[in-house]
């Protein structure tokens, strides 16, 4: 039996980030379907692992960990090495910063558009929410493009776990049925990230 267990269904962006991390590190693990159509995440035994009843949850050596960004950090801290896990404290801190930014600043409005433009019937959409989210995404994309003009990846010259959160959100951004400005540096970074096998397996999927 695999030492590592990951609970969650693979359509969730948060579960996808954890799966990407596991595969990027070449770790052996067992994935258990939970959340969405699979349920289980509100059952009493699951709530002992994550009292929030959300996915994903990682089990490692008898301990449970929740929150996708915390899981990614943990996996690379425990099992990673350079360059995936930066050795310099400032670079690890930058990976932290971009991970949180990818979730809070980039993914939050992108998720609104996924819900509104992909999962909601046209006659039930909220135009105000859509326009507000488009503006927030435009700001986030300008930041990304500007920063990636300075270096090939978000943390430095090589791919690190600090790219995972923003790249997962970027996959949604580039798949949404919206007009997008030309962002040469962002697009060059995303083209490189898309070639990683774990991205192809877990992230580069149709929006549903």
Protein backbone atom coordinates (compact mmCIF):
# COMPACT_ATOMS: atom_id res chain seq x y z
CA UNK A 1 0.00 0.00 0.00
CA UNK A 2 1.25 3.46 -0.85
CA UNK A 3 2.58 5.43 2.09
CA UNK A 4 0.98 8.61 0.75
CA UNK A 5 -2.77 8.97 0.23
CA UNK A 6 -4.50 11.87 -1.47
CA UNK A 7 -8.22 12.33 -1.05
CA UNK A 8 -10.03 14.28 -3.75
CA UNK A 9 -11.56 14.20 -7.21
CA UNK A 10 -9.27 15.25 -10.07
CA UNK A 11 -11.52 17.92 -11.60
CA UNK A 12 -10.87 20.19 -8.61
CA UNK A 13 -8.08 22.72 -9.21
CA UNK A 14 -6.96 22.31 -5.61
CA UNK A 15 -6.68 18.56 -5.97
CA UNK A 16 -4.91 19.03 -9.30
CA UNK A 17 -2.21 21.15 -7.68
CA UNK A 18 -1.51 18.41 -5.15
CA UNK A 19 -1.49 15.73 -7.86
CA UNK A 20 0.90 17.80 -9.94
CA UNK A 21 3.22 18.10 -6.95
CA UNK A 22 3.13 14.37 -6.26
CA UNK A 23 3.89 13.47 -9.87
CA UNK A 24 6.50 16.20 -10.27
CA UNK A 25 8.36 14.64 -7.35
CA UNK A 26 7.92 11.11 -8.69
CA UNK A 27 6.21 9.94 -5.52
CA UNK A 28 4.14 6.80 -5.13
CA UNK A 29 0.68 7.48 -3.75
CA UNK A 30 -2.89 6.26 -3.57
CA UNK A 31 -5.65 8.60 -4.70
CA UNK A 32 -9.09 8.17 -3.15
CA UNK A 33 -12.09 9.78 -4.84
CA UNK A 34 -13.82 12.31 -2.59
CA UNK A 35 -15.79 15.49 -3.11
CA UNK A 36 -18.19 16.46 -5.87
CA UNK A 37 -20.09 13.51 -7.30
CA UNK A 38 -18.13 11.11 -5.10
CA UNK A 39 -19.18 12.56 -1.74
CA UNK A 40 -17.34 11.16 1.30
CA UNK A 41 -15.97 14.55 2.32
CA UNK A 42 -18.77 15.15 4.84
CA UNK A 43 -18.57 11.68 6.38
CA UNK A 44 -17.48 11.43 10.00
CA UNK A 45 -14.23 9.61 9.23
CA UNK A 46 -13.27 12.18 6.60
CA UNK A 47 -14.00 15.04 8.97
CA UNK A 48 -11.44 13.60 11.37
CA UNK A 49 -8.89 14.23 8.59
CA UNK A 50 -10.20 17.67 7.59
CA UNK A 51 -12.78 19.32 9.87
CA UNK A 52 -13.66 21.70 7.02
CA UNK A 53 -14.97 18.84 4.90
CA UNK A 54 -13.09 20.10 1.84
CA UNK A 55 -10.68 18.52 -0.62
CA UNK A 56 -7.87 17.69 -0.95
CA UNK A 57 -6.45 15.92 2.08
CA UNK A 58 -3.01 14.34 2.14
CA UNK A 59 -2.18 11.51 4.50
CA UNK A 60 1.49 10.82 5.15
CA UNK A 61 2.82 8.48 7.83
CA UNK A 62 -0.33 8.68 9.91
CA UNK A 63 -0.75 12.45 9.74
CA UNK A 64 -3.32 14.35 7.72
CA UNK A 65 -2.81 17.71 6.03
CA UNK A 66 -5.36 19.93 4.28
CA UNK A 67 -5.30 23.12 2.19
CA UNK A 68 -3.80 22.57 -1.25
CA UNK A 69 -1.05 25.18 -0.98
CA UNK A 70 0.07 23.75 2.36
CA UNK A 71 0.15 20.28 0.79
CA UNK A 72 2.30 21.49 -2.11
CA UNK A 73 4.72 23.23 0.25
CA UNK A 74 4.91 20.20 2.51
CA UNK A 75 5.62 17.76 -0.30
CA UNK A 76 8.44 19.82 -1.78
CA UNK A 77 9.90 20.60 1.65
CA UNK A 78 9.95 16.94 2.68
CA UNK A 79 10.63 15.19 -0.62
CA UNK A 80 11.96 17.86 -2.98
CA UNK A 81 15.43 18.99 -3.93
CA UNK A 82 16.91 21.73 -6.08
CA UNK A 83 15.86 23.13 -8.47
CA UNK A 84 12.23 22.13 -7.79
CA UNK A 85 12.74 23.03 -4.14
CA UNK A 86 14.95 26.15 -4.02
CA UNK A 87 17.82 26.01 -1.56
CA UNK A 88 18.02 29.74 -0.86
CA UNK A 89 15.54 31.04 1.74
CA UNK A 90 14.64 34.11 -0.35
CA UNK A 91 13.75 31.92 -3.34
CA UNK A 92 11.63 29.63 -1.18
CA UNK A 93 9.89 32.73 0.18
CA UNK A 94 9.22 33.90 -3.37
CA UNK A 95 7.76 30.49 -4.17
CA UNK A 96 5.51 30.97 -1.14
CA UNK A 97 4.48 34.42 -2.32
CA UNK A 98 3.64 33.33 -5.87
CA UNK A 99 1.75 30.31 -4.59
CA UNK A 100 -0.50 32.46 -2.44
CA UNK A 101 -0.80 35.12 -5.15
CA UNK A 102 -1.80 32.52 -7.72
CA UNK A 103 -4.66 31.39 -5.50
CA UNK A 104 -5.89 34.71 -4.10
CA UNK A 105 -5.23 37.23 -6.86
CA UNK A 106 -5.30 35.20 -10.09
CA UNK A 107 -7.52 32.19 -9.42
CA UNK A 108 -10.25 33.95 -7.42
CA UNK A 109 -11.58 36.10 -10.31
CA UNK A 110 -10.76 33.42 -12.86
CA UNK A 111 -12.99 31.03 -10.94
CA UNK A 112 -15.83 33.54 -11.19
CA UNK A 113 -15.56 33.46 -14.98
CA UNK A 114 -15.36 29.67 -15.06
CA UNK A 115 -18.58 29.51 -13.05
CA UNK A 116 -20.33 32.27 -14.96
CA UNK A 117 -19.23 31.54 -18.54
CA UNK A 118 -18.84 27.76 -18.48
CA UNK A 119 -21.08 26.37 -15.77
CA UNK A 120 -23.99 28.84 -15.82
CA UNK A 121 -26.65 29.10 -18.50
CA UNK A 122 -26.38 32.35 -20.47
CA UNK A 123 -29.72 33.70 -19.27
CA UNK A 124 -28.73 33.19 -15.63
CA UNK A 125 -25.33 34.86 -15.73
CA UNK A 126 -24.48 37.92 -13.64
CA UNK A 127 -23.03 40.63 -15.94
CA UNK A 128 -21.73 42.69 -13.01
CA UNK A 129 -19.79 39.75 -11.61
CA UNK A 130 -18.40 38.96 -15.04
CA UNK A 131 -17.19 42.50 -15.72
CA UNK A 132 -15.65 42.85 -12.26
CA UNK A 133 -13.82 39.55 -12.64
CA UNK A 134 -12.55 40.48 -16.10
CA UNK A 135 -11.02 43.65 -14.69
CA UNK A 136 -9.37 41.80 -11.82
CA UNK A 137 -7.98 39.18 -14.19
CA UNK A 138 -6.64 41.85 -16.52
CA UNK A 139 -4.72 43.35 -13.59
CA UNK A 140 -3.35 39.96 -12.57
CA UNK A 141 -2.29 39.13 -16.12
CA UNK A 142 -0.42 42.44 -16.43
CA UNK A 143 1.48 41.63 -13.25
CA UNK A 144 2.35 38.15 -14.45
CA UNK A 145 3.48 39.32 -17.87
CA UNK A 146 5.61 42.08 -16.39
CA UNK A 147 7.30 39.79 -13.86
CA UNK A 148 7.90 37.03 -16.39
CA UNK A 149 9.62 39.52 -18.68
CA UNK A 150 12.36 39.62 -16.05
CA UNK A 151 13.00 35.87 -15.75
CA UNK A 152 11.84 32.61 -17.37
CA UNK A 153 9.87 31.34 -14.37
CA UNK A 154 8.16 33.00 -11.44
CA UNK A 155 10.89 32.31 -8.90
CA UNK A 156 13.97 32.38 -11.13
CA UNK A 157 15.67 30.73 -14.06
CA UNK A 158 14.18 27.28 -13.51
CA UNK A 159 10.78 25.77 -12.82
CA UNK A 160 9.95 25.40 -9.12
CA UNK A 161 6.86 24.56 -7.12
CA UNK A 162 6.28 28.31 -7.00
CA UNK A 163 4.96 28.09 -10.57
CA UNK A 164 2.28 25.49 -9.83
CA UNK A 165 -0.51 27.61 -8.36
CA UNK A 166 -0.38 30.36 -11.00
CA UNK A 167 0.00 27.84 -13.82
CA UNK A 168 -3.10 25.93 -12.73
CA UNK A 169 -5.06 29.19 -12.80
CA UNK A 170 -3.45 30.18 -16.11
CA UNK A 171 -4.72 26.98 -17.72
CA UNK A 172 -8.26 28.11 -16.92
CA UNK A 173 -7.53 31.65 -18.07
CA UNK A 174 -6.22 30.52 -21.46
CA UNK A 175 -9.19 28.16 -21.91
CA UNK A 176 -11.96 30.64 -21.07
CA UNK A 177 -14.12 31.97 -23.94
CA UNK A 178 -12.90 35.56 -23.55
CA UNK A 179 -10.71 37.99 -25.45
CA UNK A 180 -7.17 38.14 -24.14
CA UNK A 181 -4.51 40.78 -24.69
CA UNK A 182 -1.14 39.82 -26.14
CA UNK A 183 1.13 38.83 -23.25
CA UNK A 184 4.37 37.62 -24.80
CA UNK A 185 6.21 36.77 -21.59
CA UNK A 186 3.25 35.12 -19.90
CA UNK A 187 2.55 33.06 -22.99
CA UNK A 188 6.20 31.98 -23.27
CA UNK A 189 6.21 30.85 -19.64
CA UNK A 190 2.94 29.01 -20.02
CA UNK A 191 4.19 27.23 -23.14
CA UNK A 192 7.15 25.88 -21.15
CA UNK A 193 5.01 24.87 -18.18
CA UNK A 194 2.54 23.06 -20.44
CA UNK A 195 5.27 20.68 -21.57
CA UNK A 196 5.74 19.21 -18.11
CA UNK A 197 4.25 15.67 -18.00
CA UNK A 198 2.41 16.23 -14.71
CA UNK A 199 0.78 19.36 -16.11
CA UNK A 200 -0.38 17.47 -19.18
CA UNK A 201 -1.78 14.67 -17.05
CA UNK A 202 -3.60 16.60 -14.34
CA UNK A 203 -4.02 20.26 -15.34
CA UNK A 204 -4.44 20.51 -19.10
CA UNK A 205 -8.04 19.33 -19.16
CA UNK A 206 -11.28 20.75 -20.64
CA UNK A 207 -13.23 23.24 -18.53
CA UNK A 208 -16.38 21.65 -17.12
